[in-house]
Amino acid sequence: MSKTLAPNKPAASAKSAARSAGKAGSDAWKGKPGHLLTDDEVLAMPDGEYMNDQQIAFFRAKLQSLRDSILNNAGETTEHLREDTTIVPDPADRATIEEEHALELRTRDRERKLLKKIMQSIARLDSGEYGYCDETGEPIGLGRLIARPTATLSLEAQQRREMKQKMFGD
């Protein structure tokens, strides 16, 4: 019997060491500024810390990074369209170039709409409304906000809205 207990003691101490290391890792966010936090550190925060100063700084940095990325892409598109204005005699080549331009412009149009939502989300951060559902006023949830930083509805409210749209149309 002592033979079976001896091997379990190191395993038990290894489990407790891992558990305490997990707790220490989950509190790693306490000493960091919000813009340096990782997604996992934000998710590890307790529910009572929802939309604290660190989380607000984290989401502000995330939204500003998205905004900057979209603005850089827009500049690249402009340059790309200017460079590709050469006249190509072959109709198939010309059609390919025009289709690529149309696809790029559609992508930029979607990014333009996303940019508007990003700016609205930054304004919501400033007003203190960010992270709370427009319909119910309940927290949207960190996981959803990390996946979609421009979300304005909780998952349940979004599902209800999509169900209504499916049943009654737009």
C-alpha atoms as a PDB file:
ATOM      1  CA  MET A   1       0.000   0.000   0.000  1.00  0.00           C
ATOM      2  CA  SER A   2       2.842   2.415   0.772  1.00  0.00           C
ATOM      3  CA  LYS A   3       4.220   1.698  -2.697  1.00  0.00           C
ATOM      4  CA  THR A   4       1.065   3.099  -4.298  1.00  0.00           C
ATOM      5  CA  LEU A   5       0.941   6.149  -2.008  1.00  0.00           C
ATOM      6  CA  ALA A   6       4.506   7.220  -2.629  1.00  0.00           C
ATOM      7  CA  PRO A   7       4.074   7.681  -6.392  1.00  0.00           C
ATOM      8  CA  ASN A   8       0.811   9.597  -5.861  1.00  0.00           C
ATOM      9  CA  LYS A   9       2.342  12.164  -3.521  1.00  0.00           C
ATOM     10  CA  PRO A  10       4.649  13.642  -6.159  1.00  0.00           C
ATOM     11  CA  ALA A  11       1.763  13.663  -8.626  1.00  0.00           C
ATOM     12  CA  ALA A  12      -0.439  15.446  -6.100  1.00  0.00           C
ATOM     13  CA  SER A  13       2.270  18.013  -5.384  1.00  0.00           C
ATOM     14  CA  ALA A  14       2.783  18.469  -9.125  1.00  0.00           C
ATOM     15  CA  LYS A  15      -0.948  19.128  -9.504  1.00  0.00           C
ATOM     16  CA  SER A  16      -0.950  21.663  -6.694  1.00  0.00           C
ATOM     17  CA  ALA A  17       2.158  23.322  -8.145  1.00  0.00           C
ATOM     18  CA  ALA A  18       0.465  23.524 -11.545  1.00  0.00           C
ATOM     19  CA  ARG A  19      -2.684  24.877  -9.915  1.00  0.00           C
ATOM     20  CA  SER A  20      -0.769  27.592  -8.068  1.00  0.00           C
ATOM     21  CA  ALA A  21       1.180  28.405 -11.242  1.00  0.00           C
ATOM     22  CA  GLY A  22      -2.142  28.714 -13.071  1.00  0.00           C
ATOM     23  CA  LYS A  23      -3.396  31.130 -10.431  1.00  0.00           C
ATOM     24  CA  ALA A  24      -0.212  33.146 -10.670  1.00  0.00           C
ATOM     25  CA  GLY A  25      -0.543  33.162 -14.477  1.00  0.00           C
ATOM     26  CA  SER A  26      -4.176  34.226 -14.272  1.00  0.00           C
ATOM     27  CA  ASP A  27      -3.189  37.206 -12.102  1.00  0.00           C
ATOM     28  CA  ALA A  28      -0.409  38.262 -14.471  1.00  0.00           C
ATOM     29  CA  TRP A  29      -2.708  40.955 -15.869  1.00  0.00           C
ATOM     30  CA  LYS A  30      -2.680  42.900 -12.595  1.00  0.00           C
ATOM     31  CA  GLY A  31       0.699  44.506 -13.153  1.00  0.00           C
ATOM     32  CA  LYS A  32       0.388  45.197 -16.892  1.00  0.00           C
ATOM     33  CA  PRO A  33      -0.925  48.236 -18.691  1.00  0.00           C
ATOM     34  CA  GLY A  34      -4.068  47.440 -20.684  1.00  0.00           C
ATOM     35  CA  HIS A  35      -2.577  47.919 -24.141  1.00  0.00           C
ATOM     36  CA  LEU A  36       0.048  45.221 -23.403  1.00  0.00           C
ATOM     37  CA  LEU A  37      -2.434  42.554 -22.285  1.00  0.00           C
ATOM     38  CA  THR A  38      -2.994  39.425 -24.350  1.00  0.00           C
ATOM     39  CA  ASP A  39      -6.391  37.984 -25.231  1.00  0.00           C
ATOM     40  CA  ASP A  40      -5.845  35.141 -22.746  1.00  0.00           C
ATOM     41  CA  GLU A  41      -4.962  37.543 -19.920  1.00  0.00           C
ATOM     42  CA  VAL A  42      -8.115  39.553 -20.544  1.00  0.00           C
ATOM     43  CA  LEU A  43     -10.211  36.371 -20.606  1.00  0.00           C
ATOM     44  CA  ALA A  44      -8.591  35.272 -17.317  1.00  0.00           C
ATOM     45  CA  MET A  45      -9.863  38.365 -15.514  1.00  0.00           C
ATOM     46  CA  PRO A  46     -12.688  37.757 -13.033  1.00  0.00           C
ATOM     47  CA  ASP A  47     -16.233  38.778 -13.979  1.00  0.00           C
ATOM     48  CA  GLY A  48     -16.178  41.491 -11.329  1.00  0.00           C
ATOM     49  CA  GLU A  49     -13.453  43.277 -13.297  1.00  0.00           C
ATOM     50  CA  TYR A  50     -15.622  43.638 -16.440  1.00  0.00           C
ATOM     51  CA  MET A  51     -14.763  46.785 -18.391  1.00  0.00           C
ATOM     52  CA  ASN A  52     -12.177  47.994 -15.911  1.00  0.00           C
ATOM     53  CA  ASP A  53      -9.548  50.522 -16.986  1.00  0.00           C
ATOM     54  CA  GLN A  54      -7.183  47.817 -18.241  1.00  0.00           C
ATOM     55  CA  GLN A  55      -9.839  46.192 -20.411  1.00  0.00           C
ATOM     56  CA  ILE A  56     -10.872  49.558 -21.804  1.00  0.00           C
ATOM     57  CA  ALA A  57      -7.227  50.298 -22.686  1.00  0.00           C
ATOM     58  CA  PHE A  58      -6.898  46.796 -24.203  1.00  0.00           C
ATOM     59  CA  PHE A  59      -9.934  47.233 -26.462  1.00  0.00           C
ATOM     60  CA  ARG A  60      -8.962  50.802 -27.359  1.00  0.00           C
ATOM     61  CA  ALA A  61      -5.538  49.545 -28.530  1.00  0.00           C
ATOM     62  CA  LYS A  62      -7.199  46.663 -30.434  1.00  0.00           C
ATOM     63  CA  LEU A  63      -9.652  49.015 -32.178  1.00  0.00           C
ATOM     64  CA  GLN A  64      -6.957  51.574 -33.004  1.00  0.00           C
ATOM     65  CA  SER A  65      -4.776  48.823 -34.458  1.00  0.00           C
ATOM     66  CA  LEU A  66      -7.668  47.662 -36.659  1.00  0.00           C
ATOM     67  CA  ARG A  67      -8.324  51.248 -37.738  1.00  0.00           C
ATOM     68  CA  ASP A  68      -4.667  51.821 -38.634  1.00  0.00           C
ATOM     69  CA  SER A  69      -4.528  48.558 -40.576  1.00  0.00           C
ATOM     70  CA  ILE A  70      -7.601  49.500 -42.631  1.00  0.00           C
ATOM     71  CA  LEU A  71      -6.265  52.975 -43.342  1.00  0.00           C
ATOM     72  CA  ASN A  72      -2.934  51.514 -44.510  1.00  0.00           C
ATOM     73  CA  ASN A  73      -4.774  49.070 -46.786  1.00  0.00           C
ATOM     74  CA  ALA A  74      -6.760  51.937 -48.294  1.00  0.00           C
ATOM     75  CA  GLY A  75      -3.548  53.773 -49.154  1.00  0.00           C
ATOM     76  CA  GLU A  76      -2.113  50.652 -50.760  1.00  0.00           C
ATOM     77  CA  THR A  77      -5.264  50.218 -52.848  1.00  0.00           C
ATOM     78  CA  THR A  78      -5.005  53.754 -54.144  1.00  0.00           C
ATOM     79  CA  GLU A  79      -1.392  53.191 -55.135  1.00  0.00           C
ATOM     80  CA  HIS A  80      -2.192  49.825 -56.696  1.00  0.00           C
ATOM     81  CA  LEU A  81      -5.027  51.255 -58.798  1.00  0.00           C
ATOM     82  CA  ARG A  82      -2.823  54.125 -59.974  1.00  0.00           C
ATOM     83  CA  GLU A  83      -0.012  51.772 -60.993  1.00  0.00           C
ATOM     84  CA  ASP A  84      -2.325  49.423 -62.892  1.00  0.00           C
ATOM     85  CA  THR A  85      -3.664  51.974 -65.386  1.00  0.00           C
ATOM     86  CA  THR A  86      -1.604  50.657 -68.280  1.00  0.00           C
ATOM     87  CA  ILE A  87      -3.535  49.928 -71.443  1.00  0.00           C
ATOM     88  CA  VAL A  88      -3.547  46.239 -72.277  1.00  0.00           C
ATOM     89  CA  PRO A  89      -4.491  45.338 -75.861  1.00  0.00           C
ATOM     90  CA  ASP A  90      -5.668  41.801 -75.035  1.00  0.00           C
ATOM     91  CA  PRO A  91      -9.360  41.859 -73.963  1.00  0.00           C
ATOM     92  CA  ALA A  92      -8.897  38.847 -71.659  1.00  0.00           C
ATOM     93  CA  ASP A  93      -6.017  40.513 -69.807  1.00  0.00           C
ATOM     94  CA  ARG A  94      -7.984  43.756 -69.576  1.00  0.00           C
ATOM     95  CA  ALA A  95     -10.982  41.877 -68.164  1.00  0.00           C
ATOM     96  CA  THR A  96      -8.782  40.171 -65.576  1.00  0.00           C
ATOM     97  CA  ILE A  97      -7.323  43.498 -64.454  1.00  0.00           C
ATOM     98  CA  GLU A  98     -10.778  45.084 -64.239  1.00  0.00           C
ATOM     99  CA  GLU A  99     -12.112  42.135 -62.224  1.00  0.00           C
ATOM    100  CA  GLU A 100      -9.176  42.402 -59.807  1.00  0.00           C
ATOM    101  CA  HIS A 101      -9.876  46.125 -59.415  1.00  0.00           C
ATOM    102  CA  ALA A 102     -13.572  45.481 -58.795  1.00  0.00           C
ATOM    103  CA  LEU A 103     -12.755  42.846 -56.174  1.00  0.00           C
ATOM    104  CA  GLU A 104     -10.291  45.165 -54.469  1.00  0.00           C
ATOM    105  CA  LEU A 105     -12.808  48.004 -54.440  1.00  0.00           C
ATOM    106  CA  ARG A 106     -15.502  45.738 -52.945  1.00  0.00           C
ATOM    107  CA  THR A 107     -13.058  44.715 -50.225  1.00  0.00           C
ATOM    108  CA  ARG A 108     -12.254  48.354 -49.497  1.00  0.00           C
ATOM    109  CA  ASP A 109     -15.978  49.159 -49.358  1.00  0.00           C
ATOM    110  CA  ARG A 110     -16.454  46.483 -46.686  1.00  0.00           C
ATOM    111  CA  GLU A 111     -13.441  47.882 -44.841  1.00  0.00           C
ATOM    112  CA  ARG A 112     -14.919  51.394 -45.095  1.00  0.00           C
ATOM    113  CA  LYS A 113     -18.083  50.130 -43.393  1.00  0.00           C
ATOM    114  CA  LEU A 114     -15.969  48.366 -40.761  1.00  0.00           C
ATOM    115  CA  LEU A 115     -13.991  51.573 -40.222  1.00  0.00           C
ATOM    116  CA  LYS A 116     -17.242  53.380 -39.432  1.00  0.00           C
ATOM    117  CA  LYS A 117     -18.112  50.701 -36.850  1.00  0.00           C
ATOM    118  CA  ILE A 118     -14.615  50.951 -35.367  1.00  0.00           C
ATOM    119  CA  MET A 119     -14.985  54.717 -34.964  1.00  0.00           C
ATOM    120  CA  GLN A 120     -18.389  54.204 -33.326  1.00  0.00           C
ATOM    121  CA  SER A 121     -16.849  51.642 -30.951  1.00  0.00           C
ATOM    122  CA  ILE A 122     -14.082  54.065 -29.984  1.00  0.00           C
ATOM    123  CA  ALA A 123     -16.763  56.684 -29.288  1.00  0.00           C
ATOM    124  CA  ARG A 124     -18.619  54.117 -27.152  1.00  0.00           C
ATOM    125  CA  LEU A 125     -15.372  53.519 -25.224  1.00  0.00           C
ATOM    126  CA  ASP A 126     -15.143  57.260 -24.571  1.00  0.00           C
ATOM    127  CA  SER A 127     -18.763  57.473 -23.404  1.00  0.00           C
ATOM    128  CA  GLY A 128     -18.560  54.367 -21.184  1.00  0.00           C
ATOM    129  CA  GLU A 129     -21.122  52.381 -23.206  1.00  0.00           C
ATOM    130  CA  TYR A 130     -18.632  49.970 -24.772  1.00  0.00           C
ATOM    131  CA  GLY A 131     -19.030  46.331 -23.785  1.00  0.00           C
ATOM    132  CA  TYR A 132     -22.728  46.565 -22.982  1.00  0.00           C
ATOM    133  CA  CYS A 133     -25.599  45.405 -25.210  1.00  0.00           C
ATOM    134  CA  ASP A 134     -27.561  48.147 -26.993  1.00  0.00           C
ATOM    135  CA  GLU A 135     -30.834  46.271 -26.524  1.00  0.00           C
ATOM    136  CA  THR A 136     -30.583  44.784 -23.041  1.00  0.00           C
ATOM    137  CA  GLY A 137     -27.838  46.792 -21.339  1.00  0.00           C
ATOM    138  CA  GLU A 138     -26.202  43.537 -20.185  1.00  0.00           C
ATOM    139  CA  PRO A 139     -22.484  42.835 -20.658  1.00  0.00           C
ATOM    140  CA  ILE A 140     -21.666  41.571 -24.145  1.00  0.00           C
ATOM    141  CA  GLY A 141     -18.865  39.368 -22.829  1.00  0.00           C
ATOM    142  CA  LEU A 142     -15.104  39.443 -23.232  1.00  0.00           C
ATOM    143  CA  GLY A 143     -14.933  36.452 -25.566  1.00  0.00           C
ATOM    144  CA  ARG A 144     -17.361  38.021 -28.021  1.00  0.00           C
ATOM    145  CA  LEU A 145     -15.636  41.409 -27.853  1.00  0.00           C
ATOM    146  CA  ILE A 146     -12.226  39.856 -28.459  1.00  0.00           C
ATOM    147  CA  ALA A 147     -13.584  37.972 -31.468  1.00  0.00           C
ATOM    148  CA  ARG A 148     -15.559  40.993 -32.743  1.00  0.00           C
ATOM    149  CA  PRO A 149     -14.413  44.243 -31.099  1.00  0.00           C
ATOM    150  CA  THR A 150     -17.173  46.232 -32.835  1.00  0.00           C
ATOM    151  CA  ALA A 151     -20.027  44.140 -31.385  1.00  0.00           C
ATOM    152  CA  THR A 152     -22.899  46.165 -29.959  1.00  0.00           C
ATOM    153  CA  LEU A 153     -25.233  43.300 -29.073  1.00  0.00           C
ATOM    154  CA  SER A 154     -24.881  40.386 -26.709  1.00  0.00           C
ATOM    155  CA  LEU A 155     -24.861  36.957 -28.312  1.00  0.00           C
ATOM    156  CA  GLU A 156     -28.477  36.316 -27.291  1.00  0.00           C
ATOM    157  CA  ALA A 157     -29.702  39.674 -28.634  1.00  0.00           C
ATOM    158  CA  GLN A 158     -27.817  39.110 -31.906  1.00  0.00           C
ATOM    159  CA  GLN A 159     -29.356  35.635 -32.262  1.00  0.00           C
ATOM    160  CA  ARG A 160     -32.846  37.089 -31.669  1.00  0.00           C
ATOM    161  CA  ARG A 161     -32.220  39.785 -34.282  1.00  0.00           C
ATOM    162  CA  GLU A 162     -30.979  37.239 -36.829  1.00  0.00           C
ATOM    163  CA  MET A 163     -33.972  34.987 -36.143  1.00  0.00           C
ATOM    164  CA  LYS A 164     -36.364  37.915 -36.748  1.00  0.00           C
ATOM    165  CA  GLN A 165     -34.542  38.799 -39.964  1.00  0.00           C
ATOM    166  CA  LYS A 166     -34.759  35.190 -41.114  1.00  0.00           C
ATOM    167  CA  MET A 167     -38.479  34.990 -40.327  1.00  0.00           C
ATOM    168  CA  PHE A 168     -39.610  38.426 -41.534  1.00  0.00           C
ATOM    169  CA  GLY A 169     -36.865  39.439 -43.938  1.00  0.00           C
ATOM    170  CA  ASP A 170     -34.851  42.618 -43.775  1.00  0.00           C
END
